Every structure is written in C-alpha cells, then in structure tokens.
PDB file of N, CA and C in Angstrom:
ATOM      1  N   MET A   1     -28.011  -2.541 -31.800  1.00  0.00           N
ATOM      2  CA  MET A   1     -27.029  -1.524 -31.312  1.00  0.00           C
ATOM      3  C   MET A   1     -26.178  -2.204 -30.535  1.00  0.00           C
ATOM      4  N   ALA A   2     -24.505  -1.801 -30.505  1.00  0.00           N
ATOM      5  CA  ALA A   2     -23.573  -2.581 -30.121  1.00  0.00           C
ATOM      6  C   ALA A   2     -23.320  -2.197 -28.579  1.00  0.00           C
ATOM      7  N   PHE A   3     -22.741  -3.044 -27.851  1.00  0.00           N
ATOM      8  CA  PHE A   3     -22.464  -3.153 -26.698  1.00  0.00           C
ATOM      9  C   PHE A   3     -21.372  -1.941 -26.277  1.00  0.00           C
ATOM     10  N   SER A   4     -21.619  -0.956 -25.460  1.00  0.00           N
ATOM     11  CA  SER A   4     -21.124   0.244 -25.168  1.00  0.00           C
ATOM     12  C   SER A   4     -19.710  -0.178 -24.278  1.00  0.00           C
ATOM     13  N   GLU A   5     -18.553   0.337 -24.734  1.00  0.00           N
ATOM     14  CA  GLU A   5     -17.471  -0.222 -23.933  1.00  0.00           C
ATOM     15  C   GLU A   5     -17.079   1.194 -23.106  1.00  0.00           C
ATOM     16  N   LYS A   6     -17.622   2.321 -23.329  1.00  0.00           N
ATOM     17  CA  LYS A   6     -17.250   3.588 -22.591  1.00  0.00           C
ATOM     18  C   LYS A   6     -18.551   4.253 -21.819  1.00  0.00           C
ATOM     19  N   VAL A   7     -18.491   4.946 -20.969  1.00  0.00           N
ATOM     20  CA  VAL A   7     -19.222   6.139 -20.552  1.00  0.00           C
ATOM     21  C   VAL A   7     -18.932   7.425 -20.568  1.00  0.00           C
ATOM     22  N   ILE A   8     -19.454   8.084 -21.116  1.00  0.00           N
ATOM     23  CA  ILE A   8     -19.350   9.697 -21.271  1.00  0.00           C
ATOM     24  C   ILE A   8     -20.189  10.455 -20.437  1.00  0.00           C
ATOM     25  N   LEU A   9     -20.092  10.998 -19.221  1.00  0.00           N
ATOM     26  CA  LEU A   9     -21.057  11.774 -18.606  1.00  0.00           C
ATOM     27  C   LEU A   9     -20.805  13.255 -18.799  1.00  0.00           C
ATOM     28  N   VAL A  10     -22.180  13.665 -19.308  1.00  0.00           N
ATOM     29  CA  VAL A  10     -22.013  15.035 -20.004  1.00  0.00           C
ATOM     30  C   VAL A  10     -23.524  15.691 -18.982  1.00  0.00           C
ATOM     31  N   GLU A  11     -23.571  17.179 -19.273  1.00  0.00           N
ATOM     32  CA  GLU A  11     -24.542  17.876 -18.334  1.00  0.00           C
ATOM     33  C   GLU A  11     -26.081  17.831 -18.936  1.00  0.00           C
ATOM     34  N   GLY A  12     -26.128  17.948 -20.187  1.00  0.00           N
ATOM     35  CA  GLY A  12     -27.314  18.041 -20.591  1.00  0.00           C
ATOM     36  C   GLY A  12     -27.457  17.295 -22.040  1.00  0.00           C
ATOM     37  N   ARG A  13     -28.537  17.614 -22.438  1.00  0.00           N
ATOM     38  CA  ARG A  13     -29.089  16.843 -23.919  1.00  0.00           C
ATOM     39  C   ARG A  13     -28.426  17.450 -24.984  1.00  0.00           C
ATOM     40  N   THR A  14     -28.215  18.662 -24.859  1.00  0.00           N
ATOM     41  CA  THR A  14     -27.664  19.184 -26.105  1.00  0.00           C
ATOM     42  C   THR A  14     -26.114  18.674 -26.431  1.00  0.00           C
ATOM     43  N   ASP A  15     -25.541  18.641 -25.148  1.00  0.00           N
ATOM     44  CA  ASP A  15     -24.296  18.169 -25.110  1.00  0.00           C
ATOM     45  C   ASP A  15     -23.991  16.895 -25.649  1.00  0.00           C
ATOM     46  N   LYS A  16     -24.980  15.987 -25.162  1.00  0.00           N
ATOM     47  CA  LYS A  16     -25.038  14.456 -25.894  1.00  0.00           C
ATOM     48  C   LYS A  16     -25.333  14.501 -27.273  1.00  0.00           C
ATOM     49  N   LEU A  17     -26.158  15.289 -27.717  1.00  0.00           N
ATOM     50  CA  LEU A  17     -26.493  15.454 -29.061  1.00  0.00           C
ATOM     51  C   LEU A  17     -25.176  16.039 -29.769  1.00  0.00           C
ATOM     52  N   ARG A  18     -24.498  16.819 -29.185  1.00  0.00           N
ATOM     53  CA  ARG A  18     -23.222  17.187 -29.911  1.00  0.00           C
ATOM     54  C   ARG A  18     -22.220  16.169 -30.309  1.00  0.00           C
ATOM     55  N   LEU A  19     -22.275  15.388 -29.221  1.00  0.00           N
ATOM     56  CA  LEU A  19     -21.421  14.174 -29.302  1.00  0.00           C
ATOM     57  C   LEU A  19     -21.594  13.176 -30.148  1.00  0.00           C
ATOM     58  N   ILE A  20     -22.577  12.508 -30.266  1.00  0.00           N
ATOM     59  CA  ILE A  20     -23.177  11.653 -30.910  1.00  0.00           C
ATOM     60  C   ILE A  20     -22.644  11.447 -32.459  1.00  0.00           C
ATOM     61  N   PRO A  21     -22.946  12.633 -33.112  1.00  0.00           N
ATOM     62  CA  PRO A  21     -22.388  12.146 -34.545  1.00  0.00           C
ATOM     63  C   PRO A  21     -20.905  12.120 -34.827  1.00  0.00           C
ATOM     64  N   ILE A  22     -20.175  12.563 -33.720  1.00  0.00           N
ATOM     65  CA  ILE A  22     -18.950  12.442 -33.970  1.00  0.00           C
ATOM     66  C   ILE A  22     -18.154  11.188 -33.657  1.00  0.00           C
ATOM     67  N   LEU A  23     -18.478  10.401 -32.463  1.00  0.00           N
ATOM     68  CA  LEU A  23     -18.369   9.113 -32.290  1.00  0.00           C
ATOM     69  C   LEU A  23     -18.041   7.801 -33.335  1.00  0.00           C
ATOM     70  N   ALA A  24     -17.240   7.360 -33.307  1.00  0.00           N
ATOM     71  CA  ALA A  24     -16.883   6.082 -34.291  1.00  0.00           C
ATOM     72  C   ALA A  24     -17.125   4.751 -33.515  1.00  0.00           C
ATOM     73  N   GLU A  25     -17.516   4.872 -32.490  1.00  0.00           N
ATOM     74  CA  GLU A  25     -17.196   3.845 -31.483  1.00  0.00           C
ATOM     75  C   GLU A  25     -18.708   3.845 -30.585  1.00  0.00           C
ATOM     76  N   SER A  26     -19.219   2.740 -30.021  1.00  0.00           N
ATOM     77  CA  SER A  26     -20.217   2.707 -29.237  1.00  0.00           C
ATOM     78  C   SER A  26     -19.984   3.173 -27.727  1.00  0.00           C
ATOM     79  N   ALA A  27     -20.520   4.410 -27.403  1.00  0.00           N
ATOM     80  CA  ALA A  27     -20.131   4.696 -25.843  1.00  0.00           C
ATOM     81  C   ALA A  27     -21.739   4.943 -25.266  1.00  0.00           C
ATOM     82  N   GLU A  28     -21.792   5.041 -24.147  1.00  0.00           N
ATOM     83  CA  GLU A  28     -23.259   5.264 -23.382  1.00  0.00           C
ATOM     84  C   GLU A  28     -22.804   6.668 -22.964  1.00  0.00           C
ATOM     85  N   ILE A  29     -23.594   7.612 -23.355  1.00  0.00           N
ATOM     86  CA  ILE A  29     -23.415   9.120 -22.970  1.00  0.00           C
ATOM     87  C   ILE A  29     -24.894   9.499 -22.120  1.00  0.00           C
ATOM     88  N   ILE A  30     -24.300   9.647 -21.009  1.00  0.00           N
ATOM     89  CA  ILE A  30     -25.324   9.689 -19.701  1.00  0.00           C
ATOM     90  C   ILE A  30     -25.297  11.424 -19.395  1.00  0.00           C
ATOM     91  N   CYS A  31     -26.536  11.863 -19.264  1.00  0.00           N
ATOM     92  CA  CYS A  31     -26.643  13.162 -18.952  1.00  0.00           C
ATOM     93  C   CYS A  31     -27.175  13.551 -17.308  1.00  0.00           C
ATOM     94  N   THR A  32     -26.541  14.437 -16.534  1.00  0.00           N
ATOM     95  CA  THR A  32     -26.516  14.656 -15.532  1.00  0.00           C
ATOM     96  C   THR A  32     -27.843  15.549 -15.272  1.00  0.00           C
ATOM     97  N   ASN A  33     -28.321  16.264 -16.180  1.00  0.00           N
ATOM     98  CA  ASN A  33     -29.375  17.255 -16.296  1.00  0.00           C
ATOM     99  C   ASN A  33     -29.123  18.150 -15.288  1.00  0.00           C
ATOM    100  N   GLY A  34     -27.940  19.001 -15.131  1.00  0.00           N
ATOM    101  CA  GLY A  34     -27.630  19.904 -14.223  1.00  0.00           C
ATOM    102  C   GLY A  34     -26.763  19.456 -13.148  1.00  0.00           C
ATOM    103  N   THR A  35     -27.005  20.173 -11.864  1.00  0.00           N
ATOM    104  CA  THR A  35     -26.251  19.677 -10.549  1.00  0.00           C
ATOM    105  C   THR A  35     -26.605  18.243 -10.332  1.00  0.00           C
ATOM    106  N   ILE A  36     -26.036  17.673  -9.402  1.00  0.00           N
ATOM    107  CA  ILE A  36     -26.020  16.370  -9.148  1.00  0.00           C
ATOM    108  C   ILE A  36     -25.697  16.107  -7.685  1.00  0.00           C
ATOM    109  N   SER A  37     -26.199  15.203  -6.980  1.00  0.00           N
ATOM    110  CA  SER A  37     -25.455  14.766  -5.708  1.00  0.00           C
ATOM    111  C   SER A  37     -24.679  13.197  -5.881  1.00  0.00           C
ATOM    112  N   ASN A  38     -24.088  13.246  -4.901  1.00  0.00           N
ATOM    113  CA  ASN A  38     -23.250  11.886  -4.829  1.00  0.00           C
ATOM    114  C   ASN A  38     -24.097  10.478  -5.147  1.00  0.00           C
ATOM    115  N   VAL A  39     -25.229  10.601  -4.416  1.00  0.00           N
ATOM    116  CA  VAL A  39     -26.257   9.508  -4.446  1.00  0.00           C
ATOM    117  C   VAL A  39     -26.755   9.469  -5.939  1.00  0.00           C
ATOM    118  N   LYS A  40     -27.222  10.385  -6.576  1.00  0.00           N
ATOM    119  CA  LYS A  40     -27.895  10.563  -7.779  1.00  0.00           C
ATOM    120  C   LYS A  40     -26.745  10.027  -8.838  1.00  0.00           C
ATOM    121  N   LEU A  41     -25.496  10.577  -8.699  1.00  0.00           N
ATOM    122  CA  LEU A  41     -24.702  10.146  -9.683  1.00  0.00           C
ATOM    123  C   LEU A  41     -24.292   8.725  -9.651  1.00  0.00           C
ATOM    124  N   GLU A  42     -24.246   8.172  -8.494  1.00  0.00           N
ATOM    125  CA  GLU A  42     -24.153   6.563  -8.306  1.00  0.00           C
ATOM    126  C   GLU A  42     -25.284   5.936  -8.768  1.00  0.00           C
ATOM    127  N   GLU A  43     -26.514   6.405  -8.884  1.00  0.00           N
ATOM    128  CA  GLU A  43     -27.792   5.635  -9.244  1.00  0.00           C
ATOM    129  C   GLU A  43     -27.572   5.864 -10.966  1.00  0.00           C
ATOM    130  N   LEU A  44     -27.199   6.863 -11.437  1.00  0.00           N
ATOM    131  CA  LEU A  44     -27.051   7.052 -12.730  1.00  0.00           C
ATOM    132  C   LEU A  44     -25.773   6.186 -13.661  1.00  0.00           C
ATOM    133  N   LEU A  45     -24.635   6.055 -12.737  1.00  0.00           N
ATOM    134  CA  LEU A  45     -23.506   4.995 -13.195  1.00  0.00           C
ATOM    135  C   LEU A  45     -23.335   3.928 -12.757  1.00  0.00           C
ATOM    136  N   SER A  46     -24.181   3.646 -11.682  1.00  0.00           N
ATOM    137  CA  SER A  46     -23.637   1.975 -11.059  1.00  0.00           C
ATOM    138  C   SER A  46     -24.054   0.889 -12.199  1.00  0.00           C
ATOM    139  N   PRO A  47     -25.303   1.045 -13.279  1.00  0.00           N
ATOM    140  CA  PRO A  47     -25.001   0.019 -14.291  1.00  0.00           C
ATOM    141  C   PRO A  47     -23.849  -0.081 -14.954  1.00  0.00           C
ATOM    142  N   PHE A  48     -23.003   0.798 -15.099  1.00  0.00           N
ATOM    143  CA  PHE A  48     -21.659   0.554 -15.922  1.00  0.00           C
ATOM    144  C   PHE A  48     -20.366   0.667 -15.078  1.00  0.00           C
ATOM    145  N   ASP A  49     -20.407   0.065 -13.812  1.00  0.00           N
ATOM    146  CA  ASP A  49     -19.718   0.315 -13.150  1.00  0.00           C
ATOM    147  C   ASP A  49     -18.079  -0.193 -13.558  1.00  0.00           C
ATOM    148  N   GLU A  50     -18.427  -1.270 -14.366  1.00  0.00           N
ATOM    149  CA  GLU A  50     -17.090  -1.961 -15.005  1.00  0.00           C
ATOM    150  C   GLU A  50     -16.539  -1.227 -16.335  1.00  0.00           C
ATOM    151  N   LEU A  51     -17.071  -0.341 -16.514  1.00  0.00           N
ATOM    152  CA  LEU A  51     -16.680   0.612 -17.558  1.00  0.00           C
ATOM    153  C   LEU A  51     -15.711   1.635 -17.498  1.00  0.00           C
ATOM    154  N   PRO A  52     -14.866   2.236 -18.344  1.00  0.00           N
ATOM    155  CA  PRO A  52     -14.311   3.428 -17.969  1.00  0.00           C
ATOM    156  C   PRO A  52     -15.241   4.639 -18.152  1.00  0.00           C
ATOM    157  N   ILE A  53     -14.986   5.529 -17.168  1.00  0.00           N
ATOM    158  CA  ILE A  53     -15.922   6.720 -17.089  1.00  0.00           C
ATOM    159  C   ILE A  53     -15.285   7.944 -17.673  1.00  0.00           C
ATOM    160  N   TYR A  54     -15.763   8.907 -18.548  1.00  0.00           N
ATOM    161  CA  TYR A  54     -15.152  10.128 -19.064  1.00  0.00           C
ATOM    162  C   TYR A  54     -16.128  10.927 -18.722  1.00  0.00           C
ATOM    163  N   ALA A  55     -15.687  11.754 -17.785  1.00  0.00           N
ATOM    164  CA  ALA A  55     -16.431  13.299 -17.812  1.00  0.00           C
ATOM    165  C   ALA A  55     -16.219  14.456 -18.509  1.00  0.00           C
ATOM    166  N   PHE A  56     -17.201  14.675 -19.313  1.00  0.00           N
ATOM    167  CA  PHE A  56     -16.967  15.777 -20.166  1.00  0.00           C
ATOM    168  C   PHE A  56     -17.761  16.817 -19.952  1.00  0.00           C
ATOM    169  N   LEU A  57     -17.650  17.637 -19.206  1.00  0.00           N
ATOM    170  CA  LEU A  57     -18.647  18.720 -18.477  1.00  0.00           C
ATOM    171  C   LEU A  57     -18.198  20.169 -19.174  1.00  0.00           C
ATOM    172  N   ASP A  58     -19.064  20.983 -18.772  1.00  0.00           N
ATOM    173  CA  ASP A  58     -18.814  22.275 -19.241  1.00  0.00           C
ATOM    174  C   ASP A  58     -17.754  23.124 -18.455  1.00  0.00           C
ATOM    175  N   ALA A  59     -17.368  24.161 -18.949  1.00  0.00           N
ATOM    176  CA  ALA A  59     -16.194  25.116 -18.269  1.00  0.00           C
ATOM    177  C   ALA A  59     -16.842  26.191 -17.687  1.00  0.00           C
ATOM    178  N   ASP A  60     -17.889  25.846 -16.758  1.00  0.00           N
ATOM    179  CA  ASP A  60     -18.346  26.769 -16.017  1.00  0.00           C
ATOM    180  C   ASP A  60     -18.548  26.422 -14.453  1.00  0.00           C
ATOM    181  N   LYS A  61     -19.238  26.945 -13.776  1.00  0.00           N
ATOM    182  CA  LYS A  61     -19.375  26.687 -12.192  1.00  0.00           C
ATOM    183  C   LYS A  61     -20.218  25.423 -11.956  1.00  0.00           C
ATOM    184  N   SER A  62     -21.148  25.443 -12.776  1.00  0.00           N
ATOM    185  CA  SER A  62     -21.885  24.093 -12.693  1.00  0.00           C
ATOM    186  C   SER A  62     -20.996  22.758 -13.101  1.00  0.00           C
ATOM    187  N   GLY A  63     -20.413  22.902 -14.365  1.00  0.00           N
ATOM    188  CA  GLY A  63     -19.707  21.973 -14.707  1.00  0.00           C
ATOM    189  C   GLY A  63     -18.617  21.631 -13.553  1.00  0.00           C
ATOM    190  N   GLU A  64     -17.885  22.658 -12.982  1.00  0.00           N
ATOM    191  CA  GLU A  64     -16.776  22.277 -11.809  1.00  0.00           C
ATOM    192  C   GLU A  64     -17.506  21.648 -10.423  1.00  0.00           C
ATOM    193  N   GLN A  65     -18.601  22.002 -10.393  1.00  0.00           N
ATOM    194  CA  GLN A  65     -19.317  21.407  -9.259  1.00  0.00           C
ATOM    195  C   GLN A  65     -19.530  19.930  -9.499  1.00  0.00           C
ATOM    196  N   ILE A  66     -20.172  19.583 -10.534  1.00  0.00           N
ATOM    197  CA  ILE A  66     -20.234  18.293 -10.985  1.00  0.00           C
ATOM    198  C   ILE A  66     -19.045  17.425 -11.107  1.00  0.00           C
ATOM    199  N   ARG A  67     -18.062  18.211 -11.719  1.00  0.00           N
ATOM    200  CA  ARG A  67     -16.593  17.525 -11.534  1.00  0.00           C
ATOM    201  C   ARG A  67     -16.106  17.214 -10.101  1.00  0.00           C
ATOM    202  N   SER A  68     -16.289  17.882  -9.176  1.00  0.00           N
ATOM    203  CA  SER A  68     -16.131  17.841  -7.953  1.00  0.00           C
ATOM    204  C   SER A  68     -16.754  16.468  -7.249  1.00  0.00           C
ATOM    205  N   VAL A  69     -17.900  16.356  -7.494  1.00  0.00           N
ATOM    206  CA  VAL A  69     -18.962  15.047  -7.231  1.00  0.00           C
ATOM    207  C   VAL A  69     -18.348  13.901  -7.831  1.00  0.00           C
ATOM    208  N   VAL A  70     -18.028  13.874  -9.005  1.00  0.00           N
ATOM    209  CA  VAL A  70     -17.383  12.948  -9.982  1.00  0.00           C
ATOM    210  C   VAL A  70     -16.097  12.428  -9.299  1.00  0.00           C
ATOM    211  N   ARG A  71     -15.108  13.262  -9.006  1.00  0.00           N
ATOM    212  CA  ARG A  71     -13.927  13.230  -8.437  1.00  0.00           C
ATOM    213  C   ARG A  71     -14.191  12.528  -6.940  1.00  0.00           C
ATOM    214  N   LYS A  72     -15.253  12.729  -6.271  1.00  0.00           N
ATOM    215  CA  LYS A  72     -15.246  12.085  -4.862  1.00  0.00           C
ATOM    216  C   LYS A  72     -15.894  10.747  -5.205  1.00  0.00           C
ATOM    217  N   VAL A  73     -16.988  10.624  -6.077  1.00  0.00           N
ATOM    218  CA  VAL A  73     -17.652   9.265  -6.082  1.00  0.00           C
ATOM    219  C   VAL A  73     -16.947   8.132  -7.191  1.00  0.00           C
ATOM    220  N   TYR A  74     -16.247   8.752  -8.271  1.00  0.00           N
ATOM    221  CA  TYR A  74     -15.638   8.037  -9.078  1.00  0.00           C
ATOM    222  C   TYR A  74     -14.210   8.710  -9.376  1.00  0.00           C
ATOM    223  N   PRO A  75     -13.245   8.441  -8.489  1.00  0.00           N
ATOM    224  CA  PRO A  75     -11.761   8.900  -8.421  1.00  0.00           C
ATOM    225  C   PRO A  75     -11.330   8.539  -9.638  1.00  0.00           C
ATOM    226  N   GLU A  76     -11.658   7.606 -10.329  1.00  0.00           N
ATOM    227  CA  GLU A  76     -11.077   6.649 -11.342  1.00  0.00           C
ATOM    228  C   GLU A  76     -11.535   7.342 -12.807  1.00  0.00           C
ATOM    229  N   ALA A  77     -12.561   8.201 -12.845  1.00  0.00           N
ATOM    230  CA  ALA A  77     -13.086   8.918 -14.035  1.00  0.00           C
ATOM    231  C   ALA A  77     -11.977   9.661 -14.580  1.00  0.00           C
ATOM    232  N   ILE A  78     -11.883   9.775 -15.946  1.00  0.00           N
ATOM    233  CA  ILE A  78     -10.908  10.522 -16.881  1.00  0.00           C
ATOM    234  C   ILE A  78     -11.892  11.682 -17.088  1.00  0.00           C
ATOM    235  N   HIS A  79     -11.207  13.110 -16.688  1.00  0.00           N
ATOM    236  CA  HIS A  79     -11.884  14.134 -16.866  1.00  0.00           C
ATOM    237  C   HIS A  79     -11.171  14.693 -18.256  1.00  0.00           C
ATOM    238  N   LEU A  80     -12.592  15.308 -19.052  1.00  0.00           N
ATOM    239  CA  LEU A  80     -11.991  15.808 -20.349  1.00  0.00           C
ATOM    240  C   LEU A  80     -12.356  17.676 -20.302  1.00  0.00           C
ATOM    241  N   TYR A  81     -11.815  17.931 -20.804  1.00  0.00           N
ATOM    242  CA  TYR A  81     -11.893  19.541 -20.719  1.00  0.00           C
ATOM    243  C   TYR A  81     -12.196  20.383 -21.900  1.00  0.00           C
ATOM    244  N   THR A  82     -13.158  21.191 -22.298  1.00  0.00           N
ATOM    245  CA  THR A  82     -13.452  21.985 -23.423  1.00  0.00           C
ATOM    246  C   THR A  82     -12.552  23.297 -23.074  1.00  0.00           C
ATOM    247  N   ASN A  83     -12.363  24.042 -24.188  1.00  0.00           N
ATOM    248  CA  ASN A  83     -11.754  25.290 -23.973  1.00  0.00           C
ATOM    249  C   ASN A  83     -12.758  26.237 -23.253  1.00  0.00           C
ATOM    250  N   PRO A  84     -12.458  27.111 -22.202  1.00  0.00           N
ATOM    251  CA  PRO A  84     -13.241  27.936 -21.520  1.00  0.00           C
ATOM    252  C   PRO A  84     -13.947  29.063 -22.443  1.00  0.00           C
ATOM    253  N   MET A  85     -13.161  29.153 -23.775  1.00  0.00           N
ATOM    254  CA  MET A  85     -13.947  30.123 -24.552  1.00  0.00           C
ATOM    255  C   MET A  85     -14.824  29.679 -25.209  1.00  0.00           C
ATOM    256  N   TYR A  86     -15.362  28.685 -25.246  1.00  0.00           N
ATOM    257  CA  TYR A  86     -16.629  27.882 -25.648  1.00  0.00           C
ATOM    258  C   TYR A  86     -17.550  27.780 -24.567  1.00  0.00           C
ATOM    259  N   CYS A  87     -17.180  27.697 -23.546  1.00  0.00           N
ATOM    260  CA  CYS A  87     -17.724  27.434 -22.223  1.00  0.00           C
ATOM    261  C   CYS A  87     -18.451  26.052 -22.028  1.00  0.00           C
ATOM    262  N   GLU A  88     -19.280  25.747 -23.153  1.00  0.00           N
ATOM    263  CA  GLU A  88     -20.183  24.535 -22.971  1.00  0.00           C
ATOM    264  C   GLU A  88     -19.627  23.308 -24.048  1.00  0.00           C
ATOM    265  N   VAL A  89     -19.912  22.117 -23.697  1.00  0.00           N
ATOM    266  CA  VAL A  89     -19.595  21.179 -24.847  1.00  0.00           C
ATOM    267  C   VAL A  89     -20.490  21.444 -26.041  1.00  0.00           C
ATOM    268  N   ALA A  90     -21.720  21.779 -25.823  1.00  0.00           N
ATOM    269  CA  ALA A  90     -22.599  22.130 -27.082  1.00  0.00           C
ATOM    270  C   ALA A  90     -22.278  23.232 -27.845  1.00  0.00           C
ATOM    271  N   ASN A  91     -21.486  23.968 -27.326  1.00  0.00           N
ATOM    272  CA  ASN A  91     -20.740  25.096 -28.243  1.00  0.00           C
ATOM    273  C   ASN A  91     -19.801  24.967 -28.724  1.00  0.00           C
ATOM    274  N   THR A  92     -19.059  24.142 -28.176  1.00  0.00           N
ATOM    275  CA  THR A  92     -17.452  23.493 -28.779  1.00  0.00           C
ATOM    276  C   THR A  92     -17.481  23.026 -30.102  1.00  0.00           C
ATOM    277  N   PRO A  93     -16.713  23.664 -31.124  1.00  0.00           N
ATOM    278  CA  PRO A  93     -16.644  23.110 -32.494  1.00  0.00           C
ATOM    279  C   PRO A  93     -16.710  21.788 -32.660  1.00  0.00           C
ATOM    280  N   PHE A  94     -17.160  20.938 -33.537  1.00  0.00           N
ATOM    281  CA  PHE A  94     -17.042  19.329 -33.619  1.00  0.00           C
ATOM    282  C   PHE A  94     -15.798  19.063 -33.791  1.00  0.00           C
ATOM    283  N   LYS A  95     -14.768  19.714 -34.474  1.00  0.00           N
ATOM    284  CA  LYS A  95     -13.371  19.437 -34.731  1.00  0.00           C
ATOM    285  C   LYS A  95     -12.345  19.279 -33.368  1.00  0.00           C
ATOM    286  N   VAL A  96     -12.890  20.461 -32.754  1.00  0.00           N
ATOM    287  CA  VAL A  96     -12.245  20.626 -31.348  1.00  0.00           C
ATOM    288  C   VAL A  96     -12.560  19.406 -30.358  1.00  0.00           C
ATOM    289  N   LEU A  97     -13.703  18.925 -30.431  1.00  0.00           N
ATOM    290  CA  LEU A  97     -14.459  17.886 -29.602  1.00  0.00           C
ATOM    291  C   LEU A  97     -13.825  16.541 -29.765  1.00  0.00           C
ATOM    292  N   ALA A  98     -13.725  16.378 -31.368  1.00  0.00           N
ATOM    293  CA  ALA A  98     -13.213  14.970 -31.634  1.00  0.00           C
ATOM    294  C   ALA A  98     -11.569  15.000 -31.391  1.00  0.00           C
ATOM    295  N   SER A  99     -10.989  15.999 -31.427  1.00  0.00           N
ATOM    296  CA  SER A  99      -9.460  16.297 -31.094  1.00  0.00           C
ATOM    297  C   SER A  99      -9.419  15.706 -29.510  1.00  0.00           C
ATOM    298  N   ILE A 100     -10.393  16.264 -28.573  1.00  0.00           N
ATOM    299  CA  ILE A 100     -10.326  15.950 -27.313  1.00  0.00           C
ATOM    300  C   ILE A 100     -10.648  14.500 -27.008  1.00  0.00           C
ATOM    301  N   LEU A 101     -11.463  13.958 -27.763  1.00  0.00           N
ATOM    302  CA  LEU A 101     -12.001  12.718 -27.409  1.00  0.00           C
ATOM    303  C   LEU A 101     -10.837  11.743 -27.922  1.00  0.00           C
ATOM    304  N   GLN A 102     -10.156  12.174 -29.007  1.00  0.00           N
ATOM    305  CA  GLN A 102      -9.252  11.381 -29.809  1.00  0.00           C
ATOM    306  C   GLN A 102      -8.074  11.105 -28.820  1.00  0.00           C
ATOM    307  N   ARG A 103      -7.770  12.383 -28.068  1.00  0.00           N
ATOM    308  CA  ARG A 103      -6.496  12.189 -27.072  1.00  0.00           C
ATOM    309  C   ARG A 103      -6.460  11.255 -25.835  1.00  0.00           C
ATOM    310  N   VAL A 104      -7.797  10.803 -25.822  1.00  0.00           N
ATOM    311  CA  VAL A 104      -8.073   9.744 -24.845  1.00  0.00           C
ATOM    312  C   VAL A 104      -8.674   8.467 -25.241  1.00  0.00           C
ATOM    313  N   ASN A 105      -8.167   8.232 -26.426  1.00  0.00           N
ATOM    314  CA  ASN A 105      -8.407   6.989 -27.217  1.00  0.00           C
ATOM    315  C   ASN A 105      -9.718   6.662 -27.431  1.00  0.00           C
ATOM    316  N   ILE A 106     -10.840   7.681 -27.446  1.00  0.00           N
ATOM    317  CA  ILE A 106     -12.177   7.368 -28.025  1.00  0.00           C
ATOM    318  C   ILE A 106     -12.304   7.468 -29.452  1.00  0.00           C
ATOM    319  N   LYS A 107     -12.751   6.569 -30.145  1.00  0.00           N
ATOM    320  CA  LYS A 107     -12.707   6.796 -31.356  1.00  0.00           C
ATOM    321  C   LYS A 107     -13.761   7.596 -32.140  1.00  0.00           C
ATOM    322  N   VAL A 108     -13.254   8.491 -32.985  1.00  0.00           N
ATOM    323  CA  VAL A 108     -14.025   9.521 -33.802  1.00  0.00           C
ATOM    324  C   VAL A 108     -14.099   9.358 -35.251  1.00  0.00           C
ATOM    325  N   LYS A 109     -14.995   9.881 -35.904  1.00  0.00           N
ATOM    326  CA  LYS A 109     -15.128   9.805 -37.321  1.00  0.00           C
ATOM    327  C   LYS A 109     -13.916  10.745 -38.083  1.00  0.00           C
ATOM    328  N   LYS A 110     -13.586  10.406 -38.975  1.00  0.00           N
ATOM    329  CA  LYS A 110     -12.501  10.913 -39.668  1.00  0.00           C
ATOM    330  C   LYS A 110     -12.868  12.384 -40.259  1.00  0.00           C
ATOM    331  N   GLU A 111     -14.101  12.474 -40.651  1.00  0.00           N
ATOM    332  CA  GLU A 111     -14.377  13.664 -41.047  1.00  0.00           C
ATOM    333  C   GLU A 111     -14.342  14.958 -39.984  1.00  0.00           C
ATOM    334  N   PHE A 112     -14.404  14.661 -38.899  1.00  0.00           N
ATOM    335  CA  PHE A 112     -14.427  15.322 -37.800  1.00  0.00           C
ATOM    336  C   PHE A 112     -13.050  15.873 -37.262  1.00  0.00           C
ATOM    337  N   LEU A 113     -12.070  15.029 -37.653  1.00  0.00           N
ATOM    338  CA  LEU A 113     -10.455  15.384 -37.118  1.00  0.00           C
ATOM    339  C   LEU A 113     -10.037  16.714 -37.811  1.00  0.00           C
ATOM    340  N   LEU A 114      -9.234  17.437 -37.046  1.00  0.00           N
ATOM    341  CA  LEU A 114      -8.616  18.536 -37.637  1.00  0.00           C
ATOM    342  C   LEU A 114      -7.906  18.469 -38.752  1.00  0.00           C
TER     343      LEU A 114
END
C-alpha cells in the first residue's frame, strides 16, 4: 500500500466506500462515525498532523456540527461540499464527487470525470 499524502475526513463508512473507487491516489479516509468532540477529532487525526486534511461532510445538521468542530481544531482543513440536493456524500453521484475532489487537486480516475 502506498503512503498516503492526504487525509479525507468523512462521517461514515458508506461515505468512505463511495469515495474509494474514485480516487487515483493514496489518501487516508477517516470516518467520524457521527458527531464528534474536539478531543475525539484530535485523537483521530493526530497521526496525520503533517498531511493536508480535507473535510468532506454531509450537507445536513450533523455534517455542519462536525464542520464546526473541524474549523476549531483544524482551521487549516480544506472543506469540501456536496450539493444539498444529495444531502449525503454517500448519495452523491460518482461524477459529481470526482469533480469536487478534482477541484482541490485530489487525483481521481478518468472514468469518473464529467
């Protein structure tokens, strides 16, 4: 397995499973498994302190709560947003996800591009 150069923070396993086939580079995908505290977020991400962090969270109340914690603990994190019509990362079409990831220079497989 290649060394990960980026960290993508998602809410749940279904979000993670949705992103894996799209990625054309190694990235550590970390699940918050729902709401999260400052301390728990630090525990999850501390092994990756030197890597860029991308928060790709759902377009709902839970996602916004987690984003708020991420902004406090990791203000340098890059926030990615799915269209609210899809609500969840897991419900977002592959091509839309690929486009969002590509905009922040995360490499995606060509077959997923619009």
